[in-house]
């Protein structure tokens, strides 16, 4: 009888965490609700039938990305979203005898990609208030550790790690690949990309799905030492990115004004939302990303249902009881969220007061 590998059979089914796609205000997947650069749209409109009919080589795009990051093309691999870069690292370095260490809570796909290799996932809980558990990660390193992933800033908490703490982990695990997932770099501004080529086991992942508003195009970057990237490059298809992504990359990188304006808008909206929720008695953690993690306690599920009735999709975090992750959208969307939360709390208070 035909069967899949045991590690695949034992994997739990994973479905997209996206809520109801019909809801008009989508604040559940950390997408850019303002949209992409108008220059990207213009480039899309100018694509002709012949261009779309041909396979698109990624090498010119890798040269663009490398120049943008201050790297060499040999240190840069374009991927089908940052997800593919993570998957490639798992396929390159993990097997059934290996371990992958991550900080929890974490991006769900880390576990999925790890399990597909048969490796053991080692979760290191974040420290108090979701601070980076540098000592815990150092203790988790064993001879079996083949891959470590640090998301900085963290998803889903939004909390950032100190650069020197991350470097301590990288240096303590010379026989393991260490990935710093910088999906939210544009909102934080601090990076380890300057260490690429200097530290042989360091990798950095970037995405164009957040600040650049290109989640639907699926463009990511995996950066690492030339010796490692040259071997990882053997794994993906030579045409792993579509023509729309590759043709629009130059315009996305060139339009710094649109990205900067969106980042400024997001930072302002994030602080405004945090202050408004705090005033309502809701605990929020300091965030360096395009989202906010808020603790609504025992009425989390009721609030999510009420928000859905108002046409708003938010992201529950079952691994963090009572917590909801809220994407920072436009100011109008943020006002709509606060108005709905205020109405929910008013109704809840009135219902309690009505009980004899």
C-alpha atoms as a PDB file:
ATOM      1  CA  UNK A   1       0.000   0.000   0.000  1.00  0.00           C
ATOM      2  CA  UNK A   2       1.256   3.443  -0.891  1.00  0.00           C
ATOM      3  CA  UNK A   3       1.972   5.564   2.192  1.00  0.00           C
ATOM      4  CA  UNK A   4       3.641   8.866   2.876  1.00  0.00           C
ATOM      5  CA  UNK A   5       6.628   9.132   5.190  1.00  0.00           C
ATOM      6  CA  UNK A   6       5.830   8.660   8.865  1.00  0.00           C
ATOM      7  CA  UNK A   7       6.672  12.268   9.713  1.00  0.00           C
ATOM      8  CA  UNK A   8       4.090  13.436   7.165  1.00  0.00           C
ATOM      9  CA  UNK A   9       1.420  11.054   8.444  1.00  0.00           C
ATOM     10  CA  UNK A  10       1.967  12.330  11.977  1.00  0.00           C
ATOM     11  CA  UNK A  11       1.725  16.002  11.046  1.00  0.00           C
ATOM     12  CA  UNK A  12      -1.469  17.741  12.160  1.00  0.00           C
ATOM     13  CA  UNK A  13      -3.529  19.168   9.342  1.00  0.00           C
ATOM     14  CA  UNK A  14      -2.714  22.814   8.752  1.00  0.00           C
ATOM     15  CA  UNK A  15      -5.109  25.257   7.164  1.00  0.00           C
ATOM     16  CA  UNK A  16      -4.781  28.952   6.477  1.00  0.00           C
ATOM     17  CA  UNK A  17      -5.549  30.966   9.619  1.00  0.00           C
ATOM     18  CA  UNK A  18      -7.452  33.462   7.495  1.00  0.00           C
ATOM     19  CA  UNK A  19     -10.919  34.253   8.740  1.00  0.00           C
ATOM     20  CA  UNK A  20     -14.002  35.006   6.666  1.00  0.00           C
ATOM     21  CA  UNK A  21     -12.682  36.479   3.370  1.00  0.00           C
ATOM     22  CA  UNK A  22     -15.964  38.309   2.852  1.00  0.00           C
ATOM     23  CA  UNK A  23     -15.371  40.627   5.821  1.00  0.00           C
ATOM     24  CA  UNK A  24     -14.515  44.112   4.526  1.00  0.00           C
ATOM     25  CA  UNK A  25     -11.880  44.967   7.156  1.00  0.00           C
ATOM     26  CA  UNK A  26      -9.157  42.295   7.133  1.00  0.00           C
ATOM     27  CA  UNK A  27      -6.798  42.790  10.062  1.00  0.00           C
ATOM     28  CA  UNK A  28      -5.935  39.135  10.679  1.00  0.00           C
ATOM     29  CA  UNK A  29      -2.979  38.324   8.388  1.00  0.00           C
ATOM     30  CA  UNK A  30      -0.681  41.347   8.806  1.00  0.00           C
ATOM     31  CA  UNK A  31      -1.222  42.435   5.227  1.00  0.00           C
ATOM     32  CA  UNK A  32      -0.679  45.980   4.014  1.00  0.00           C
ATOM     33  CA  UNK A  33      -4.244  47.290   3.852  1.00  0.00           C
ATOM     34  CA  UNK A  34      -3.112  50.432   2.004  1.00  0.00           C
ATOM     35  CA  UNK A  35      -1.960  48.408  -1.005  1.00  0.00           C
ATOM     36  CA  UNK A  36       1.202  48.325  -3.060  1.00  0.00           C
ATOM     37  CA  UNK A  37       3.115  51.107  -4.781  1.00  0.00           C
ATOM     38  CA  UNK A  38       1.366  52.797  -7.735  1.00  0.00           C
ATOM     39  CA  UNK A  39       4.579  52.211  -9.654  1.00  0.00           C
ATOM     40  CA  UNK A  40       4.079  48.460  -9.226  1.00  0.00           C
ATOM     41  CA  UNK A  41       0.542  48.725 -10.572  1.00  0.00           C
ATOM     42  CA  UNK A  42       1.779  50.732 -13.557  1.00  0.00           C
ATOM     43  CA  UNK A  43       4.397  48.083 -14.341  1.00  0.00           C
ATOM     44  CA  UNK A  44       1.775  45.340 -14.150  1.00  0.00           C
ATOM     45  CA  UNK A  45      -0.444  47.189 -16.617  1.00  0.00           C
ATOM     46  CA  UNK A  46       2.443  47.460 -19.065  1.00  0.00           C
ATOM     47  CA  UNK A  47       3.266  43.752 -19.190  1.00  0.00           C
ATOM     48  CA  UNK A  48       2.608  42.293 -22.627  1.00  0.00           C
ATOM     49  CA  UNK A  49       1.437  38.845 -23.706  1.00  0.00           C
ATOM     50  CA  UNK A  50       4.904  37.726 -24.827  1.00  0.00           C
ATOM     51  CA  UNK A  51       6.482  38.610 -21.471  1.00  0.00           C
ATOM     52  CA  UNK A  52       3.852  36.637 -19.587  1.00  0.00           C
ATOM     53  CA  UNK A  53       4.257  33.637 -21.891  1.00  0.00           C
ATOM     54  CA  UNK A  54       7.951  33.198 -21.063  1.00  0.00           C
ATOM     55  CA  UNK A  55       9.663  31.749 -18.006  1.00  0.00           C
ATOM     56  CA  UNK A  56      11.137  34.527 -15.864  1.00  0.00           C
ATOM     57  CA  UNK A  57      14.749  34.084 -14.658  1.00  0.00           C
ATOM     58  CA  UNK A  58      15.298  35.238 -11.093  1.00  0.00           C
ATOM     59  CA  UNK A  59      19.000  36.153 -11.445  1.00  0.00           C
ATOM     60  CA  UNK A  60      18.400  39.787 -12.561  1.00  0.00           C
ATOM     61  CA  UNK A  61      16.109  40.193  -9.570  1.00  0.00           C
ATOM     62  CA  UNK A  62      18.745  38.771  -7.262  1.00  0.00           C
ATOM     63  CA  UNK A  63      21.202  41.375  -8.523  1.00  0.00           C
ATOM     64  CA  UNK A  64      18.654  44.108  -7.731  1.00  0.00           C
ATOM     65  CA  UNK A  65      17.967  42.700  -4.271  1.00  0.00           C
ATOM     66  CA  UNK A  66      21.652  42.246  -3.489  1.00  0.00           C
ATOM     67  CA  UNK A  67      22.469  45.815  -4.499  1.00  0.00           C
ATOM     68  CA  UNK A  68      19.584  47.081  -2.391  1.00  0.00           C
ATOM     69  CA  UNK A  69      20.826  45.161   0.675  1.00  0.00           C
ATOM     70  CA  UNK A  70      24.505  45.910   0.141  1.00  0.00           C
ATOM     71  CA  UNK A  71      25.285  42.246  -0.551  1.00  0.00           C
ATOM     72  CA  UNK A  72      26.698  40.234  -3.427  1.00  0.00           C
ATOM     73  CA  UNK A  73      24.292  38.307  -5.679  1.00  0.00           C
ATOM     74  CA  UNK A  74      26.081  35.119  -4.608  1.00  0.00           C
ATOM     75  CA  UNK A  75      24.864  35.805  -1.052  1.00  0.00           C
ATOM     76  CA  UNK A  76      21.272  36.411  -2.120  1.00  0.00           C
ATOM     77  CA  UNK A  77      18.518  33.986  -3.104  1.00  0.00           C
ATOM     78  CA  UNK A  78      15.064  35.154  -4.174  1.00  0.00           C
ATOM     79  CA  UNK A  79      12.321  32.909  -2.840  1.00  0.00           C
ATOM     80  CA  UNK A  80       8.607  32.424  -3.341  1.00  0.00           C
ATOM     81  CA  UNK A  81       7.782  34.445  -0.251  1.00  0.00           C
ATOM     82  CA  UNK A  82       9.952  34.266   2.858  1.00  0.00           C
ATOM     83  CA  UNK A  83       8.158  30.980   3.606  1.00  0.00           C
ATOM     84  CA  UNK A  84      10.041  29.204   0.839  1.00  0.00           C
ATOM     85  CA  UNK A  85      13.361  30.402   2.253  1.00  0.00           C
ATOM     86  CA  UNK A  86      12.493  28.888   5.629  1.00  0.00           C
ATOM     87  CA  UNK A  87      11.430  25.648   3.961  1.00  0.00           C
ATOM     88  CA  UNK A  88      14.689  25.518   1.990  1.00  0.00           C
ATOM     89  CA  UNK A  89      16.743  25.851   5.176  1.00  0.00           C
ATOM     90  CA  UNK A  90      14.792  23.032   6.803  1.00  0.00           C
ATOM     91  CA  UNK A  91      15.291  20.805   3.765  1.00  0.00           C
ATOM     92  CA  UNK A  92      18.977  21.669   3.553  1.00  0.00           C
ATOM     93  CA  UNK A  93      19.982  21.142   7.180  1.00  0.00           C
ATOM     94  CA  UNK A  94      17.405  18.999   8.955  1.00  0.00           C
ATOM     95  CA  UNK A  95      16.825  15.258   9.025  1.00  0.00           C
ATOM     96  CA  UNK A  96      15.264  12.783  11.420  1.00  0.00           C
ATOM     97  CA  UNK A  97      18.304  12.946  13.714  1.00  0.00           C
ATOM     98  CA  UNK A  98      18.385  16.728  13.934  1.00  0.00           C
ATOM     99  CA  UNK A  99      16.757  19.396  16.067  1.00  0.00           C
ATOM    100  CA  UNK A 100      15.430  22.819  15.254  1.00  0.00           C
ATOM    101  CA  UNK A 101      15.172  25.390  18.049  1.00  0.00           C
ATOM    102  CA  UNK A 102      12.759  28.320  17.994  1.00  0.00           C
ATOM    103  CA  UNK A 103      11.403  30.865  20.458  1.00  0.00           C
ATOM    104  CA  UNK A 104       7.735  30.357  21.301  1.00  0.00           C
ATOM    105  CA  UNK A 105       5.205  31.686  20.577  1.00  0.00           C
ATOM    106  CA  UNK A 106       6.219  31.683  16.940  1.00  0.00           C
ATOM    107  CA  UNK A 107       5.137  31.818  13.308  1.00  0.00           C
ATOM    108  CA  UNK A 108       3.188  28.584  12.763  1.00  0.00           C
ATOM    109  CA  UNK A 109       4.969  27.577   9.567  1.00  0.00           C
ATOM    110  CA  UNK A 110       8.263  26.973  11.397  1.00  0.00           C
ATOM    111  CA  UNK A 111       6.746  23.900  13.005  1.00  0.00           C
ATOM    112  CA  UNK A 112       5.156  22.729   9.752  1.00  0.00           C
ATOM    113  CA  UNK A 113       8.411  22.883   7.797  1.00  0.00           C
ATOM    114  CA  UNK A 114      10.363  21.242  10.613  1.00  0.00           C
ATOM    115  CA  UNK A 115       7.901  18.365  10.945  1.00  0.00           C
ATOM    116  CA  UNK A 116       8.048  17.675   7.216  1.00  0.00           C
ATOM    117  CA  UNK A 117      11.725  16.724   7.586  1.00  0.00           C
ATOM    118  CA  UNK A 118      11.204  14.386  10.537  1.00  0.00           C
ATOM    119  CA  UNK A 119      13.391  16.552  12.771  1.00  0.00           C
ATOM    120  CA  UNK A 120      12.564  17.373  16.381  1.00  0.00           C
ATOM    121  CA  UNK A 121      11.228  20.836  17.156  1.00  0.00           C
ATOM    122  CA  UNK A 122      12.590  22.375  20.359  1.00  0.00           C
ATOM    123  CA  UNK A 123      10.490  25.287  21.551  1.00  0.00           C
ATOM    124  CA  UNK A 124      12.085  27.716  23.995  1.00  0.00           C
ATOM    125  CA  UNK A 125       9.419  29.809  25.759  1.00  0.00           C
ATOM    126  CA  UNK A 126       9.888  33.557  25.683  1.00  0.00           C
ATOM    127  CA  UNK A 127      10.963  35.193  28.942  1.00  0.00           C
ATOM    128  CA  UNK A 128       8.711  37.389  31.071  1.00  0.00           C
ATOM    129  CA  UNK A 129       6.670  39.868  29.011  1.00  0.00           C
ATOM    130  CA  UNK A 130       7.769  37.968  25.904  1.00  0.00           C
ATOM    131  CA  UNK A 131      11.365  39.149  26.129  1.00  0.00           C
ATOM    132  CA  UNK A 132      13.980  37.287  24.098  1.00  0.00           C
ATOM    133  CA  UNK A 133      15.072  34.175  26.092  1.00  0.00           C
ATOM    134  CA  UNK A 134      18.761  34.316  25.277  1.00  0.00           C
ATOM    135  CA  UNK A 135      19.824  32.088  28.179  1.00  0.00           C
ATOM    136  CA  UNK A 136      17.112  29.561  27.380  1.00  0.00           C
ATOM    137  CA  UNK A 137      18.197  29.354  23.755  1.00  0.00           C
ATOM    138  CA  UNK A 138      21.843  28.921  24.724  1.00  0.00           C
ATOM    139  CA  UNK A 139      20.867  26.027  27.011  1.00  0.00           C
ATOM    140  CA  UNK A 140      18.826  24.447  24.205  1.00  0.00           C
ATOM    141  CA  UNK A 141      21.847  24.045  21.930  1.00  0.00           C
ATOM    142  CA  UNK A 142      22.964  20.421  21.697  1.00  0.00           C
ATOM    143  CA  UNK A 143      25.113  18.390  19.274  1.00  0.00           C
ATOM    144  CA  UNK A 144      21.847  17.605  17.453  1.00  0.00           C
ATOM    145  CA  UNK A 145      20.953  21.260  16.888  1.00  0.00           C
ATOM    146  CA  UNK A 146      21.073  21.858  13.138  1.00  0.00           C
ATOM    147  CA  UNK A 147      18.849  24.908  12.716  1.00  0.00           C
ATOM    148  CA  UNK A 148      17.738  27.793  14.936  1.00  0.00           C
ATOM    149  CA  UNK A 149      15.236  30.498  14.017  1.00  0.00           C
ATOM    150  CA  UNK A 150      14.936  33.882  15.668  1.00  0.00           C
ATOM    151  CA  UNK A 151      12.116  36.128  14.475  1.00  0.00           C
ATOM    152  CA  UNK A 152      13.102  39.722  15.098  1.00  0.00           C
ATOM    153  CA  UNK A 153      10.822  41.416  15.887  1.00  0.00           C
ATOM    154  CA  UNK A 154       8.802  38.447  17.033  1.00  0.00           C
ATOM    155  CA  UNK A 155       5.542  37.308  15.487  1.00  0.00           C
ATOM    156  CA  UNK A 156       3.003  37.159  17.166  1.00  0.00           C
ATOM    157  CA  UNK A 157       4.179  39.299  20.101  1.00  0.00           C
ATOM    158  CA  UNK A 158       5.827  42.203  18.284  1.00  0.00           C
ATOM    159  CA  UNK A 159       8.637  42.288  20.850  1.00  0.00           C
ATOM    160  CA  UNK A 160      12.173  42.831  19.529  1.00  0.00           C
ATOM    161  CA  UNK A 161      15.401  41.134  20.609  1.00  0.00           C
ATOM    162  CA  UNK A 162      18.697  42.865  21.298  1.00  0.00           C
ATOM    163  CA  UNK A 163      21.235  42.481  18.509  1.00  0.00           C
ATOM    164  CA  UNK A 164      23.997  41.378  20.865  1.00  0.00           C
ATOM    165  CA  UNK A 165      21.794  38.666  22.370  1.00  0.00           C
ATOM    166  CA  UNK A 166      21.108  37.251  18.915  1.00  0.00           C
ATOM    167  CA  UNK A 167      24.804  37.303  18.060  1.00  0.00           C
ATOM    168  CA  UNK A 168      25.533  35.373  21.262  1.00  0.00           C
ATOM    169  CA  UNK A 169      23.230  32.611  20.042  1.00  0.00           C
ATOM    170  CA  UNK A 170      24.720  32.606  16.541  1.00  0.00           C
ATOM    171  CA  UNK A 171      28.265  32.358  17.882  1.00  0.00           C
ATOM    172  CA  UNK A 172      27.322  29.639  20.382  1.00  0.00           C
ATOM    173  CA  UNK A 173      26.017  27.334  17.641  1.00  0.00           C
ATOM    174  CA  UNK A 174      28.700  27.268  14.925  1.00  0.00           C
ATOM    175  CA  UNK A 175      27.525  23.875  13.663  1.00  0.00           C
ATOM    176  CA  UNK A 176      23.924  25.025  13.223  1.00  0.00           C
ATOM    177  CA  UNK A 177      22.344  27.310  10.663  1.00  0.00           C
ATOM    178  CA  UNK A 178      20.842  30.314  12.464  1.00  0.00           C
ATOM    179  CA  UNK A 179      18.120  32.207  10.643  1.00  0.00           C
ATOM    180  CA  UNK A 180      17.081  35.690  11.699  1.00  0.00           C
ATOM    181  CA  UNK A 181      13.636  36.187  10.218  1.00  0.00           C
ATOM    182  CA  UNK A 182      13.345  39.935   9.608  1.00  0.00           C
ATOM    183  CA  UNK A 183       9.870  39.961   8.073  1.00  0.00           C
ATOM    184  CA  UNK A 184       9.045  43.145  10.005  1.00  0.00           C
ATOM    185  CA  UNK A 185      12.406  44.866   9.576  1.00  0.00           C
ATOM    186  CA  UNK A 186      10.941  47.945   7.879  1.00  0.00           C
ATOM    187  CA  UNK A 187       8.924  48.822  10.990  1.00  0.00           C
ATOM    188  CA  UNK A 188      11.854  48.178  13.354  1.00  0.00           C
ATOM    189  CA  UNK A 189      14.894  49.441  11.477  1.00  0.00           C
ATOM    190  CA  UNK A 190      17.531  47.187  13.045  1.00  0.00           C
ATOM    191  CA  UNK A 191      19.092  44.295  11.173  1.00  0.00           C
ATOM    192  CA  UNK A 192      21.858  41.722  11.085  1.00  0.00           C
ATOM    193  CA  UNK A 193      22.170  41.879   7.297  1.00  0.00           C
ATOM    194  CA  UNK A 194      25.549  43.608   7.768  1.00  0.00           C
ATOM    195  CA  UNK A 195      26.891  40.361   9.250  1.00  0.00           C
ATOM    196  CA  UNK A 196      26.141  38.301   6.156  1.00  0.00           C
ATOM    197  CA  UNK A 197      29.473  37.069   4.752  1.00  0.00           C
ATOM    198  CA  UNK A 198      31.174  37.654   8.080  1.00  0.00           C
ATOM    199  CA  UNK A 199      29.457  34.917  10.099  1.00  0.00           C
ATOM    200  CA  UNK A 200      29.342  31.645   8.112  1.00  0.00           C
ATOM    201  CA  UNK A 201      26.284  30.098   9.816  1.00  0.00           C
ATOM    202  CA  UNK A 202      24.071  33.220   9.764  1.00  0.00           C
ATOM    203  CA  UNK A 203      21.073  33.659   7.455  1.00  0.00           C
ATOM    204  CA  UNK A 204      18.641  36.556   7.204  1.00  0.00           C
ATOM    205  CA  UNK A 205      15.171  36.357   5.640  1.00  0.00           C
ATOM    206  CA  UNK A 206      13.200  39.312   4.313  1.00  0.00           C
ATOM    207  CA  UNK A 207       9.757  39.592   2.738  1.00  0.00           C
ATOM    208  CA  UNK A 208       7.923  42.005   0.443  1.00  0.00           C
ATOM    209  CA  UNK A 209       4.555  40.961   1.875  1.00  0.00           C
ATOM    210  CA  UNK A 210       4.397  43.532   4.667  1.00  0.00           C
ATOM    211  CA  UNK A 211       5.731  47.058   4.111  1.00  0.00           C
ATOM    212  CA  UNK A 212       5.776  46.680   0.326  1.00  0.00           C
ATOM    213  CA  UNK A 213       2.214  45.373   0.054  1.00  0.00           C
ATOM    214  CA  UNK A 214       3.088  42.475  -2.257  1.00  0.00           C
ATOM    215  CA  UNK A 215       1.771  39.506  -0.267  1.00  0.00           C
ATOM    216  CA  UNK A 216      -0.146  38.257  -3.287  1.00  0.00           C
ATOM    217  CA  UNK A 217       2.986  38.201  -5.449  1.00  0.00           C
ATOM    218  CA  UNK A 218       5.038  36.087  -3.015  1.00  0.00           C
ATOM    219  CA  UNK A 219       8.557  37.576  -3.011  1.00  0.00           C
ATOM    220  CA  UNK A 220      11.133  36.854  -0.322  1.00  0.00           C
ATOM    221  CA  UNK A 221      14.879  37.063   0.124  1.00  0.00           C
ATOM    222  CA  UNK A 222      17.155  34.549   1.809  1.00  0.00           C
ATOM    223  CA  UNK A 223      20.631  35.974   2.474  1.00  0.00           C
ATOM    224  CA  UNK A 224      23.612  34.002   3.731  1.00  0.00           C
ATOM    225  CA  UNK A 225      27.273  33.195   3.234  1.00  0.00           C
ATOM    226  CA  UNK A 226      28.110  32.441  -0.388  1.00  0.00           C
ATOM    227  CA  UNK A 227      29.298  28.912   0.437  1.00  0.00           C
ATOM    228  CA  UNK A 228      25.941  28.050   2.019  1.00  0.00           C
ATOM    229  CA  UNK A 229      23.677  29.849  -0.450  1.00  0.00           C
ATOM    230  CA  UNK A 230      25.410  28.130  -3.383  1.00  0.00           C
ATOM    231  CA  UNK A 231      24.393  24.749  -1.972  1.00  0.00           C
ATOM    232  CA  UNK A 232      20.867  25.798  -0.994  1.00  0.00           C
ATOM    233  CA  UNK A 233      20.408  27.167  -4.512  1.00  0.00           C
ATOM    234  CA  UNK A 234      20.412  23.548  -5.749  1.00  0.00           C
ATOM    235  CA  UNK A 235      17.030  22.867  -4.114  1.00  0.00           C
ATOM    236  CA  UNK A 236      14.412  25.260  -5.557  1.00  0.00           C
ATOM    237  CA  UNK A 237      13.151  25.314  -9.113  1.00  0.00           C
ATOM    238  CA  UNK A 238      15.090  27.732 -11.333  1.00  0.00           C
ATOM    239  CA  UNK A 239      11.753  29.445 -12.045  1.00  0.00           C
ATOM    240  CA  UNK A 240      10.329  29.528  -8.532  1.00  0.00           C
ATOM    241  CA  UNK A 241       9.100  33.141  -8.821  1.00  0.00           C
ATOM    242  CA  UNK A 242       6.442  34.268 -11.258  1.00  0.00           C
ATOM    243  CA  UNK A 243       6.934  36.902 -13.927  1.00  0.00           C
ATOM    244  CA  UNK A 244       4.703  39.452 -12.169  1.00  0.00           C
ATOM    245  CA  UNK A 245       6.839  39.379  -9.037  1.00  0.00           C
ATOM    246  CA  UNK A 246      10.133  39.600 -10.887  1.00  0.00           C
ATOM    247  CA  UNK A 247       9.016  42.328 -13.284  1.00  0.00           C
ATOM    248  CA  UNK A 248       7.660  44.484 -10.445  1.00  0.00           C
ATOM    249  CA  UNK A 249      10.562  44.042  -8.028  1.00  0.00           C
ATOM    250  CA  UNK A 250      12.579  46.952  -9.394  1.00  0.00           C
ATOM    251  CA  UNK A 251       9.634  49.335  -9.063  1.00  0.00           C
ATOM    252  CA  UNK A 252       8.892  48.142  -5.529  1.00  0.00           C
ATOM    253  CA  UNK A 253      12.495  48.710  -4.463  1.00  0.00           C
ATOM    254  CA  UNK A 254      12.711  52.091  -6.172  1.00  0.00           C
ATOM    255  CA  UNK A 255       9.574  53.578  -4.643  1.00  0.00           C
ATOM    256  CA  UNK A 256      10.975  54.334  -1.209  1.00  0.00           C
ATOM    257  CA  UNK A 257       8.517  57.187  -0.665  1.00  0.00           C
ATOM    258  CA  UNK A 258       5.474  54.914  -0.673  1.00  0.00           C
ATOM    259  CA  UNK A 259       7.128  52.435   1.686  1.00  0.00           C
ATOM    260  CA  UNK A 260       8.330  55.178   4.049  1.00  0.00           C
ATOM    261  CA  UNK A 261       4.883  56.782   4.135  1.00  0.00           C
ATOM    262  CA  UNK A 262       3.244  53.445   4.930  1.00  0.00           C
ATOM    263  CA  UNK A 263       5.745  52.667   7.688  1.00  0.00           C
ATOM    264  CA  UNK A 264       5.172  56.096   9.264  1.00  0.00           C
ATOM    265  CA  UNK A 265       1.412  55.642   9.033  1.00  0.00           C
ATOM    266  CA  UNK A 266       1.667  52.196  10.606  1.00  0.00           C
ATOM    267  CA  UNK A 267       3.845  53.340  13.488  1.00  0.00           C
ATOM    268  CA  UNK A 268       1.470  56.191  14.276  1.00  0.00           C
ATOM    269  CA  UNK A 269      -1.559  53.931  13.997  1.00  0.00           C
ATOM    270  CA  UNK A 270       0.044  51.315  16.207  1.00  0.00           C
ATOM    271  CA  UNK A 271       0.760  53.809  18.983  1.00  0.00           C
ATOM    272  CA  UNK A 272      -2.709  55.322  18.689  1.00  0.00           C
ATOM    273  CA  UNK A 273      -4.358  51.898  18.925  1.00  0.00           C
ATOM    274  CA  UNK A 274      -2.185  50.927  21.876  1.00  0.00           C
ATOM    275  CA  UNK A 275      -3.159  54.070  23.781  1.00  0.00           C
ATOM    276  CA  UNK A 276      -6.846  53.625  23.011  1.00  0.00           C
ATOM    277  CA  UNK A 277      -6.883  49.972  24.076  1.00  0.00           C
ATOM    278  CA  UNK A 278      -4.857  50.708  27.203  1.00  0.00           C
ATOM    279  CA  UNK A 279      -7.389  53.390  28.153  1.00  0.00           C
ATOM    280  CA  UNK A 280     -10.069  50.697  27.924  1.00  0.00           C
ATOM    281  CA  UNK A 281      -8.118  48.499  30.330  1.00  0.00           C
ATOM    282  CA  UNK A 282      -6.733  46.140  27.673  1.00  0.00           C
ATOM    283  CA  UNK A 283      -3.122  45.054  28.079  1.00  0.00           C
ATOM    284  CA  UNK A 284      -0.950  45.466  24.979  1.00  0.00           C
ATOM    285  CA  UNK A 285       2.683  44.517  24.528  1.00  0.00           C
ATOM    286  CA  UNK A 286       5.200  46.957  23.046  1.00  0.00           C
ATOM    287  CA  UNK A 287       5.429  46.254  19.328  1.00  0.00           C
ATOM    288  CA  UNK A 288       8.045  46.995  16.672  1.00  0.00           C
ATOM    289  CA  UNK A 289       5.933  45.512  13.874  1.00  0.00           C
ATOM    290  CA  UNK A 290       2.808  46.180  11.827  1.00  0.00           C
ATOM    291  CA  UNK A 291       0.544  44.599  14.434  1.00  0.00           C
ATOM    292  CA  UNK A 292      -0.327  44.737  18.098  1.00  0.00           C
ATOM    293  CA  UNK A 293      -0.882  41.831  20.504  1.00  0.00           C
ATOM    294  CA  UNK A 294      -3.654  42.567  22.975  1.00  0.00           C
ATOM    295  CA  UNK A 295      -4.969  40.526  25.925  1.00  0.00           C
ATOM    296  CA  UNK A 296      -8.770  40.545  26.136  1.00  0.00           C
ATOM    297  CA  UNK A 297      -8.881  37.786  28.732  1.00  0.00           C
ATOM    298  CA  UNK A 298     -11.994  35.688  29.153  1.00  0.00           C
ATOM    299  CA  UNK A 299     -14.109  37.606  26.673  1.00  0.00           C
ATOM    300  CA  UNK A 300     -11.757  37.065  23.740  1.00  0.00           C
ATOM    301  CA  UNK A 301     -14.057  34.718  21.807  1.00  0.00           C
ATOM    302  CA  UNK A 302     -17.122  36.890  22.367  1.00  0.00           C
ATOM    303  CA  UNK A 303     -15.191  39.939  21.166  1.00  0.00           C
ATOM    304  CA  UNK A 304     -14.006  38.155  18.016  1.00  0.00           C
ATOM    305  CA  UNK A 305     -17.609  37.232  17.199  1.00  0.00           C
ATOM    306  CA  UNK A 306     -18.772  40.797  17.827  1.00  0.00           C
ATOM    307  CA  UNK A 307     -16.014  42.186  15.623  1.00  0.00           C
ATOM    308  CA  UNK A 308     -16.955  39.779  12.821  1.00  0.00           C
ATOM    309  CA  UNK A 309     -20.539  41.053  13.013  1.00  0.00           C
ATOM    310  CA  UNK A 310     -19.099  44.525  12.473  1.00  0.00           C
ATOM    311  CA  UNK A 311     -17.227  43.299   9.402  1.00  0.00           C
ATOM    312  CA  UNK A 312     -13.791  43.166  11.086  1.00  0.00           C
ATOM    313  CA  UNK A 313     -11.482  40.127  10.997  1.00  0.00           C
ATOM    314  CA  UNK A 314      -8.871  39.847  13.760  1.00  0.00           C
ATOM    315  CA  UNK A 315      -6.460  36.994  14.548  1.00  0.00           C
ATOM    316  CA  UNK A 316      -6.962  34.909  17.686  1.00  0.00           C
ATOM    317  CA  UNK A 317      -3.925  33.207  19.187  1.00  0.00           C
ATOM    318  CA  UNK A 318      -4.984  29.873  20.719  1.00  0.00           C
ATOM    319  CA  UNK A 319      -1.418  29.417  21.990  1.00  0.00           C
ATOM    320  CA  UNK A 320      -1.842  32.642  24.001  1.00  0.00           C
ATOM    321  CA  UNK A 321      -5.211  32.309  25.775  1.00  0.00           C
ATOM    322  CA  UNK A 322      -7.202  35.521  25.691  1.00  0.00           C
ATOM    323  CA  UNK A 323      -4.891  37.233  23.207  1.00  0.00           C
ATOM    324  CA  UNK A 324      -5.759  38.696  19.814  1.00  0.00           C
ATOM    325  CA  UNK A 325      -3.300  39.954  17.191  1.00  0.00           C
ATOM    326  CA  UNK A 326      -4.494  43.077  15.406  1.00  0.00           C
ATOM    327  CA  UNK A 327      -2.961  44.203  12.115  1.00  0.00           C
ATOM    328  CA  UNK A 328      -2.397  47.947  11.968  1.00  0.00           C
ATOM    329  CA  UNK A 329      -4.429  49.260   9.064  1.00  0.00           C
ATOM    330  CA  UNK A 330      -5.403  52.748   8.001  1.00  0.00           C
ATOM    331  CA  UNK A 331      -6.494  55.266  10.606  1.00  0.00           C
ATOM    332  CA  UNK A 332     -10.074  54.819   9.451  1.00  0.00           C
ATOM    333  CA  UNK A 333      -9.794  51.069  10.017  1.00  0.00           C
ATOM    334  CA  UNK A 334      -8.227  51.580  13.434  1.00  0.00           C
ATOM    335  CA  UNK A 335     -11.031  53.943  14.413  1.00  0.00           C
ATOM    336  CA  UNK A 336     -13.531  51.329  13.305  1.00  0.00           C
ATOM    337  CA  UNK A 337     -11.818  48.741  15.517  1.00  0.00           C
ATOM    338  CA  UNK A 338     -11.865  50.979  18.582  1.00  0.00           C
ATOM    339  CA  UNK A 339     -15.486  51.963  18.035  1.00  0.00           C
ATOM    340  CA  UNK A 340     -16.471  48.292  17.817  1.00  0.00           C
ATOM    341  CA  UNK A 341     -14.457  47.393  20.939  1.00  0.00           C
ATOM    342  CA  UNK A 342     -16.000  50.284  22.874  1.00  0.00           C
ATOM    343  CA  UNK A 343     -19.488  49.226  21.846  1.00  0.00           C
ATOM    344  CA  UNK A 344     -18.762  45.625  22.809  1.00  0.00           C
ATOM    345  CA  UNK A 345     -17.528  46.645  26.257  1.00  0.00           C
ATOM    346  CA  UNK A 346     -20.486  48.976  26.797  1.00  0.00           C
ATOM    347  CA  UNK A 347     -22.939  46.217  25.898  1.00  0.00           C
ATOM    348  CA  UNK A 348     -21.096  43.761  28.116  1.00  0.00           C
ATOM    349  CA  UNK A 349     -21.148  46.161  31.080  1.00  0.00           C
ATOM    350  CA  UNK A 350     -24.846  46.905  30.622  1.00  0.00           C
ATOM    351  CA  UNK A 351     -25.644  43.185  30.454  1.00  0.00           C
ATOM    352  CA  UNK A 352     -23.806  42.561  33.749  1.00  0.00           C
ATOM    353  CA  UNK A 353     -25.573  45.469  35.420  1.00  0.00           C
ATOM    354  CA  UNK A 354     -28.951  44.168  34.269  1.00  0.00           C
ATOM    355  CA  UNK A 355     -28.445  40.876  36.093  1.00  0.00           C
ATOM    356  CA  UNK A 356     -30.360  41.072  39.424  1.00  0.00           C
END
